Amino acid sequence: MKISSAYFSHRGRKSENEDAALPPILHSNTWWTAIADGMGGQAGGRIASTTAIATMRANIEADLHSSIPKLFGSIRSELKRISVERPELSGMGTTLSLVCLQKNFARVGHVGDSRVYHLRNQGIVSRTVDQTEVQELVERGVLSKANARRYSRRNILLSVLSPERDYRLLEDSFEIQKGDRLVLTTDGVSSKVLAKELRDLSLESNNPEIFCGELSKKIELRSPVDDYTAICIDITDL
């Protein structure tokens, strides 16, 4: 499999960027990439997200815990270890959405509200589901999608990688084709750009570099408050 990719990660109005990203790495004929959004105060959020990405990369490169559930388990264990050494970080947490590409299939592991989009031709499909209070209310029919955008607690997470809380891992797998595009985003992107807008921007962008550049510009024009990070991957050959 051959891919091309690009990414960006920018600080919002915080003093430090609490997002972290793993641009695609190739190991044992498999591509791995991931995106994380930390929380729990400036120091805690940054430590949680970078720990998730660093632990994932180290395990993959050492051929340890290459299954998605074991990778997430290793990250949780590392967050617990850090919180024992530094109790003031016990409230930290992070989202994590990862993608594994091998042959003509993609596998996704997901905790939190970062997202993985799959684009093909004129279509876009979300391969993740936000683990948030607002999403649960939408699924239960309590809120409409329109009202959900104005919901005051839309950022409340129901599942997160944390030293103190259990998490619910969502997994998905799907077939990929030459010409497909995958986009990973933190909620700093998805809160500013609708999926339809992202699709339209993708159709206008011939490669990941152009796409990421235009997406970043669009978010900048909308006065971002949160940190915003995205990874774009084109499947150029199988």
Foldseek 3Di string as FASTA:
>chain_A
DDKDKDKDWFAAQDPDALKDWDAWDDDPQKTKIKIKFKDDDDVLSNCLRVLLVVQLVVCRNVVHQPDPVSSLVSSLVVQLVVCVVPVSNQPMWMWMWMWMDHDFKIKIKTWAAWWKWKDDDLDIDTPDQHQAPLSVCCVVVNDPPVVSLVDPRNRHGPATRGNPDHGDMDMDMDGHDAFMKMKIKDVLQCNQAPPNRLSVLVVVDPGNVSSNVVSVVSSVVVRGRGIIMMMMMGRHDD
